[in-house]
Structure formats: C-alpha cells, structure tokens
C-alpha atoms as a PDB file:
ATOM      1  CA  UNK A   1       0.000   0.000   0.000  1.00  0.00           C
ATOM      2  CA  UNK A   2       2.904   2.356   0.632  1.00  0.00           C
ATOM      3  CA  UNK A   3       3.946   2.158  -3.031  1.00  0.00           C
ATOM      4  CA  UNK A   4       0.419   2.922  -4.180  1.00  0.00           C
ATOM      5  CA  UNK A   5       0.247   5.927  -1.839  1.00  0.00           C
ATOM      6  CA  UNK A   6       3.586   7.258  -3.115  1.00  0.00           C
ATOM      7  CA  UNK A   7       2.404   6.972  -6.694  1.00  0.00           C
ATOM      8  CA  UNK A   8      -0.937   8.618  -5.928  1.00  0.00           C
ATOM      9  CA  UNK A   9       0.786  11.526  -4.156  1.00  0.00           C
ATOM     10  CA  UNK A  10       3.022  12.056  -7.181  1.00  0.00           C
ATOM     11  CA  UNK A  11       0.055  11.799  -9.555  1.00  0.00           C
ATOM     12  CA  UNK A  12      -1.879  14.363  -7.540  1.00  0.00           C
ATOM     13  CA  UNK A  13       1.023  16.784  -7.546  1.00  0.00           C
ATOM     14  CA  UNK A  14       1.588  16.266 -11.277  1.00  0.00           C
ATOM     15  CA  UNK A  15      -2.088  17.014 -11.889  1.00  0.00           C
ATOM     16  CA  UNK A  16      -1.857  20.147  -9.754  1.00  0.00           C
ATOM     17  CA  UNK A  17       0.946  21.428 -11.977  1.00  0.00           C
ATOM     18  CA  UNK A  18      -0.946  20.522 -15.143  1.00  0.00           C
ATOM     19  CA  UNK A  19      -4.093  22.226 -13.853  1.00  0.00           C
ATOM     20  CA  UNK A  20      -2.090  25.396 -13.266  1.00  0.00           C
ATOM     21  CA  UNK A  21      -0.610  25.216 -16.767  1.00  0.00           C
ATOM     22  CA  UNK A  22      -4.062  24.643 -18.269  1.00  0.00           C
ATOM     23  CA  UNK A  23      -5.360  27.723 -16.458  1.00  0.00           C
ATOM     24  CA  UNK A  24      -3.029  29.992 -18.413  1.00  0.00           C
ATOM     25  CA  UNK A  25      -4.690  31.933 -21.191  1.00  0.00           C
ATOM     26  CA  UNK A  26      -2.383  31.196 -24.102  1.00  0.00           C
ATOM     27  CA  UNK A  27      -4.070  33.902 -26.178  1.00  0.00           C
ATOM     28  CA  UNK A  28      -2.974  36.728 -23.870  1.00  0.00           C
ATOM     29  CA  UNK A  29       0.186  35.412 -22.213  1.00  0.00           C
ATOM     30  CA  UNK A  30       3.530  36.998 -23.010  1.00  0.00           C
ATOM     31  CA  UNK A  31       6.219  34.619 -21.835  1.00  0.00           C
ATOM     32  CA  UNK A  32       8.899  36.600 -23.612  1.00  0.00           C
ATOM     33  CA  UNK A  33       8.313  39.728 -21.516  1.00  0.00           C
ATOM     34  CA  UNK A  34       6.633  38.448 -18.353  1.00  0.00           C
ATOM     35  CA  UNK A  35       9.393  36.943 -16.223  1.00  0.00           C
ATOM     36  CA  UNK A  36       7.084  35.778 -13.442  1.00  0.00           C
ATOM     37  CA  UNK A  37       4.739  33.971 -15.828  1.00  0.00           C
ATOM     38  CA  UNK A  38       7.620  32.386 -17.698  1.00  0.00           C
ATOM     39  CA  UNK A  39       9.188  31.229 -14.437  1.00  0.00           C
ATOM     40  CA  UNK A  40       5.911  29.739 -13.260  1.00  0.00           C
ATOM     41  CA  UNK A  41       5.376  27.920 -16.562  1.00  0.00           C
ATOM     42  CA  UNK A  42       8.915  26.538 -16.603  1.00  0.00           C
ATOM     43  CA  UNK A  43       8.753  25.395 -12.988  1.00  0.00           C
ATOM     44  CA  UNK A  44       5.356  23.738 -13.319  1.00  0.00           C
ATOM     45  CA  UNK A  45       6.474  21.863 -16.438  1.00  0.00           C
ATOM     46  CA  UNK A  46       9.625  20.765 -14.642  1.00  0.00           C
ATOM     47  CA  UNK A  47       7.737  19.499 -11.607  1.00  0.00           C
ATOM     48  CA  UNK A  48       5.095  17.716 -13.710  1.00  0.00           C
ATOM     49  CA  UNK A  49       7.853  15.939 -15.642  1.00  0.00           C
ATOM     50  CA  UNK A  50       9.758  15.107 -12.458  1.00  0.00           C
ATOM     51  CA  UNK A  51       6.577  13.574 -11.007  1.00  0.00           C
ATOM     52  CA  UNK A  52       6.065  11.440 -14.127  1.00  0.00           C
ATOM     53  CA  UNK A  53       9.665  10.227 -13.971  1.00  0.00           C
ATOM     54  CA  UNK A  54       9.470   9.550 -10.220  1.00  0.00           C
ATOM     55  CA  UNK A  55       6.305   7.494 -10.742  1.00  0.00           C
ATOM     56  CA  UNK A  56       8.077   5.497 -13.437  1.00  0.00           C
ATOM     57  CA  UNK A  57      11.067   4.862 -11.193  1.00  0.00           C
ATOM     58  CA  UNK A  58       8.798   3.676  -8.365  1.00  0.00           C
ATOM     59  CA  UNK A  59       7.032   1.225 -10.688  1.00  0.00           C
ATOM     60  CA  UNK A  60      10.297   0.005 -12.211  1.00  0.00           C
ATOM     61  CA  UNK A  61      11.680  -0.669  -8.744  1.00  0.00           C
ATOM     62  CA  UNK A  62       8.492  -2.372  -7.528  1.00  0.00           C
ATOM     63  CA  UNK A  63       8.248  -4.613 -10.582  1.00  0.00           C
ATOM     64  CA  UNK A  64      11.956  -5.384 -10.804  1.00  0.00           C
ATOM     65  CA  UNK A  65      12.248  -4.120 -14.377  1.00  0.00           C
ATOM     66  CA  UNK A  66      15.619  -3.304 -15.909  1.00  0.00           C
ATOM     67  CA  UNK A  67      17.372  -0.272 -14.486  1.00  0.00           C
ATOM     68  CA  UNK A  68      16.952   2.871 -16.565  1.00  0.00           C
ATOM     69  CA  UNK A  69      20.052   4.466 -18.040  1.00  0.00           C
ATOM     70  CA  UNK A  70      18.560   7.952 -18.022  1.00  0.00           C
ATOM     71  CA  UNK A  71      15.275   9.770 -17.481  1.00  0.00           C
ATOM     72  CA  UNK A  72      14.037   9.090 -20.996  1.00  0.00           C
ATOM     73  CA  UNK A  73      14.519   5.358 -20.574  1.00  0.00           C
ATOM     74  CA  UNK A  74      12.317   5.403 -17.449  1.00  0.00           C
ATOM     75  CA  UNK A  75       9.314   6.137 -19.648  1.00  0.00           C
ATOM     76  CA  UNK A  76      10.463   3.769 -22.396  1.00  0.00           C
ATOM     77  CA  UNK A  77      10.793   0.904 -19.895  1.00  0.00           C
ATOM     78  CA  UNK A  78       7.208   1.478 -18.792  1.00  0.00           C
ATOM     79  CA  UNK A  79       6.158   1.120 -22.436  1.00  0.00           C
ATOM     80  CA  UNK A  80       8.314  -1.929 -23.029  1.00  0.00           C
ATOM     81  CA  UNK A  81       6.687  -3.647 -20.057  1.00  0.00           C
ATOM     82  CA  UNK A  82       3.091  -2.740 -20.893  1.00  0.00           C
ATOM     83  CA  UNK A  83       2.491  -0.221 -18.112  1.00  0.00           C
ATOM     84  CA  UNK A  84       1.785   2.419 -20.760  1.00  0.00           C
ATOM     85  CA  UNK A  85       1.387   1.837 -24.524  1.00  0.00           C
ATOM     86  CA  UNK A  86       4.741   1.654 -26.300  1.00  0.00           C
ATOM     87  CA  UNK A  87       3.879   4.253 -28.937  1.00  0.00           C
ATOM     88  CA  UNK A  88       2.787   6.670 -26.218  1.00  0.00           C
ATOM     89  CA  UNK A  89       5.953   5.909 -24.225  1.00  0.00           C
ATOM     90  CA  UNK A  90       8.089   6.813 -27.234  1.00  0.00           C
ATOM     91  CA  UNK A  91       6.231  10.078 -27.666  1.00  0.00           C
ATOM     92  CA  UNK A  92       5.997  10.996 -23.967  1.00  0.00           C
ATOM     93  CA  UNK A  93       9.643  10.144 -23.287  1.00  0.00           C
ATOM     94  CA  UNK A  94      10.607  13.379 -25.033  1.00  0.00           C
ATOM     95  CA  UNK A  95       9.385  15.103 -21.864  1.00  0.00           C
ATOM     96  CA  UNK A  96      12.599  13.915 -20.224  1.00  0.00           C
ATOM     97  CA  UNK A  97      14.522  15.985 -22.764  1.00  0.00           C
ATOM     98  CA  UNK A  98      12.462  19.014 -21.835  1.00  0.00           C
ATOM     99  CA  UNK A  99      13.230  18.348 -18.185  1.00  0.00           C
ATOM    100  CA  UNK A 100      16.941  18.387 -18.949  1.00  0.00           C
ATOM    101  CA  UNK A 101      16.602  21.655 -20.856  1.00  0.00           C
ATOM    102  CA  UNK A 102      14.636  23.244 -18.021  1.00  0.00           C
ATOM    103  CA  UNK A 103      17.189  22.128 -15.446  1.00  0.00           C
ATOM    104  CA  UNK A 104      20.481  22.498 -17.320  1.00  0.00           C
ATOM    105  CA  UNK A 105      20.035  24.839 -20.288  1.00  0.00           C
ATOM    106  CA  UNK A 106      17.477  27.197 -18.779  1.00  0.00           C
ATOM    107  CA  UNK A 107      19.102  30.337 -20.116  1.00  0.00           C
ATOM    108  CA  UNK A 108      18.484  29.215 -23.695  1.00  0.00           C
ATOM    109  CA  UNK A 109      14.824  28.171 -23.511  1.00  0.00           C
ATOM    110  CA  UNK A 110      12.838  29.419 -26.452  1.00  0.00           C
ATOM    111  CA  UNK A 111       9.510  30.785 -25.259  1.00  0.00           C
ATOM    112  CA  UNK A 112       7.822  29.556 -28.440  1.00  0.00           C
ATOM    113  CA  UNK A 113       8.648  25.996 -27.298  1.00  0.00           C
ATOM    114  CA  UNK A 114       6.890  26.642 -23.993  1.00  0.00           C
ATOM    115  CA  UNK A 115       3.924  28.191 -25.760  1.00  0.00           C
ATOM    116  CA  UNK A 116       3.643  25.187 -28.081  1.00  0.00           C
ATOM    117  CA  UNK A 117       3.796  22.784 -25.156  1.00  0.00           C
ATOM    118  CA  UNK A 118       1.058  24.698 -23.347  1.00  0.00           C
ATOM    119  CA  UNK A 119      -1.173  24.534 -26.391  1.00  0.00           C
ATOM    120  CA  UNK A 120      -0.377  21.037 -27.657  1.00  0.00           C
ATOM    121  CA  UNK A 121       1.060  18.687 -25.023  1.00  0.00           C
ATOM    122  CA  UNK A 122      -0.648  19.084 -21.654  1.00  0.00           C
ATOM    123  CA  UNK A 123      -3.029  16.223 -22.382  1.00  0.00           C
ATOM    124  CA  UNK A 124      -0.014  13.886 -22.494  1.00  0.00           C
ATOM    125  CA  UNK A 125       0.310  14.216 -18.724  1.00  0.00           C
ATOM    126  CA  UNK A 126      -3.332  13.351 -18.187  1.00  0.00           C
ATOM    127  CA  UNK A 127      -3.052  10.384 -20.528  1.00  0.00           C
ATOM    128  CA  UNK A 128       0.026   9.206 -18.623  1.00  0.00           C
ATOM    129  CA  UNK A 129      -1.866   9.581 -15.363  1.00  0.00           C
ATOM    130  CA  UNK A 130      -4.774   7.492 -16.652  1.00  0.00           C
ATOM    131  CA  UNK A 131      -2.402   4.679 -17.639  1.00  0.00           C
ATOM    132  CA  UNK A 132      -0.807   4.777 -14.203  1.00  0.00           C
ATOM    133  CA  UNK A 133      -4.225   4.611 -12.519  1.00  0.00           C
ATOM    134  CA  UNK A 134      -5.053   1.590 -14.716  1.00  0.00           C
ATOM    135  CA  UNK A 135      -1.792  -0.017 -13.581  1.00  0.00           C
ATOM    136  CA  UNK A 136      -2.662   0.648  -9.916  1.00  0.00           C
ATOM    137  CA  UNK A 137      -6.125  -0.827 -10.389  1.00  0.00           C
ATOM    138  CA  UNK A 138      -4.580  -4.052 -11.723  1.00  0.00           C
ATOM    139  CA  UNK A 139      -1.648  -4.463  -9.386  1.00  0.00           C
ATOM    140  CA  UNK A 140      -2.480  -2.970  -6.022  1.00  0.00           C
END
C-alpha cells in the first residue's frame, strides 16, 4: 500500500501542476516579456515531468524491471513492459529531454517551445496519469 500511496501523491502533484498550466490563457500570455509567468510555466512543467519520472522509477523498482540508463529510458521501460502503450511511451519520453533543458540549459529556452507545449502537449500528462491509474487498479 505504501507504493500505491507514493504513486498517488506524485500523480496528484503532477495534476496540480498541469491544472495550473491549463489555467493559463495562451491567447494573452507573453512569456517573452513576463518573467514571473515564464518562471511559473517553466517550474510547473519541470515538476510535472519530475513527477512522471518519479512514478516510473517507483514502478520500475516495484516490478523489478531493468534499471533505466537515463530519465528518458524510465518512460520507455514502462512502455516496453506494458504499463503504458509503447507508442505513447516513445512520444511521452521526449518530456525527459524538456526536463533536462529546463534544469540544465534554462538560459536558452525558447519561449515559443513553452507556448507550443502549453497549447499542444498538456493532455499527455493526463493520458500518462490514466495509464498509471489503470496499472494501480490491476496491481495494487
């Protein structure tokens, strides 16, 4: 039960970040000139991605799957082992690359990338969450 609770806490926090990001009016935002908004968007993306990766690492450890080489492979291992669909894992694993950019190359982030992610990719987190809930329903 402790593993399930850890995963649910991470899922809830990930959803909190996604809800904040979804609340942003992409029509009127100006990430280029609004430092506070840009910072909030970057940080909430980073935390949502970190939560997704942490959840994957918890499941990998619980199930005894192969050890991931990097953050991207955490998501790919979940796909390889049927926790999430493989095609979705391939697509969603690019979030790990965004995490690395947000953490290590933050001074070079293109605001148009953030804007595109806000408009096009937030549903990926919800889809990931639904697959994780399905996993919990089956295993725990």
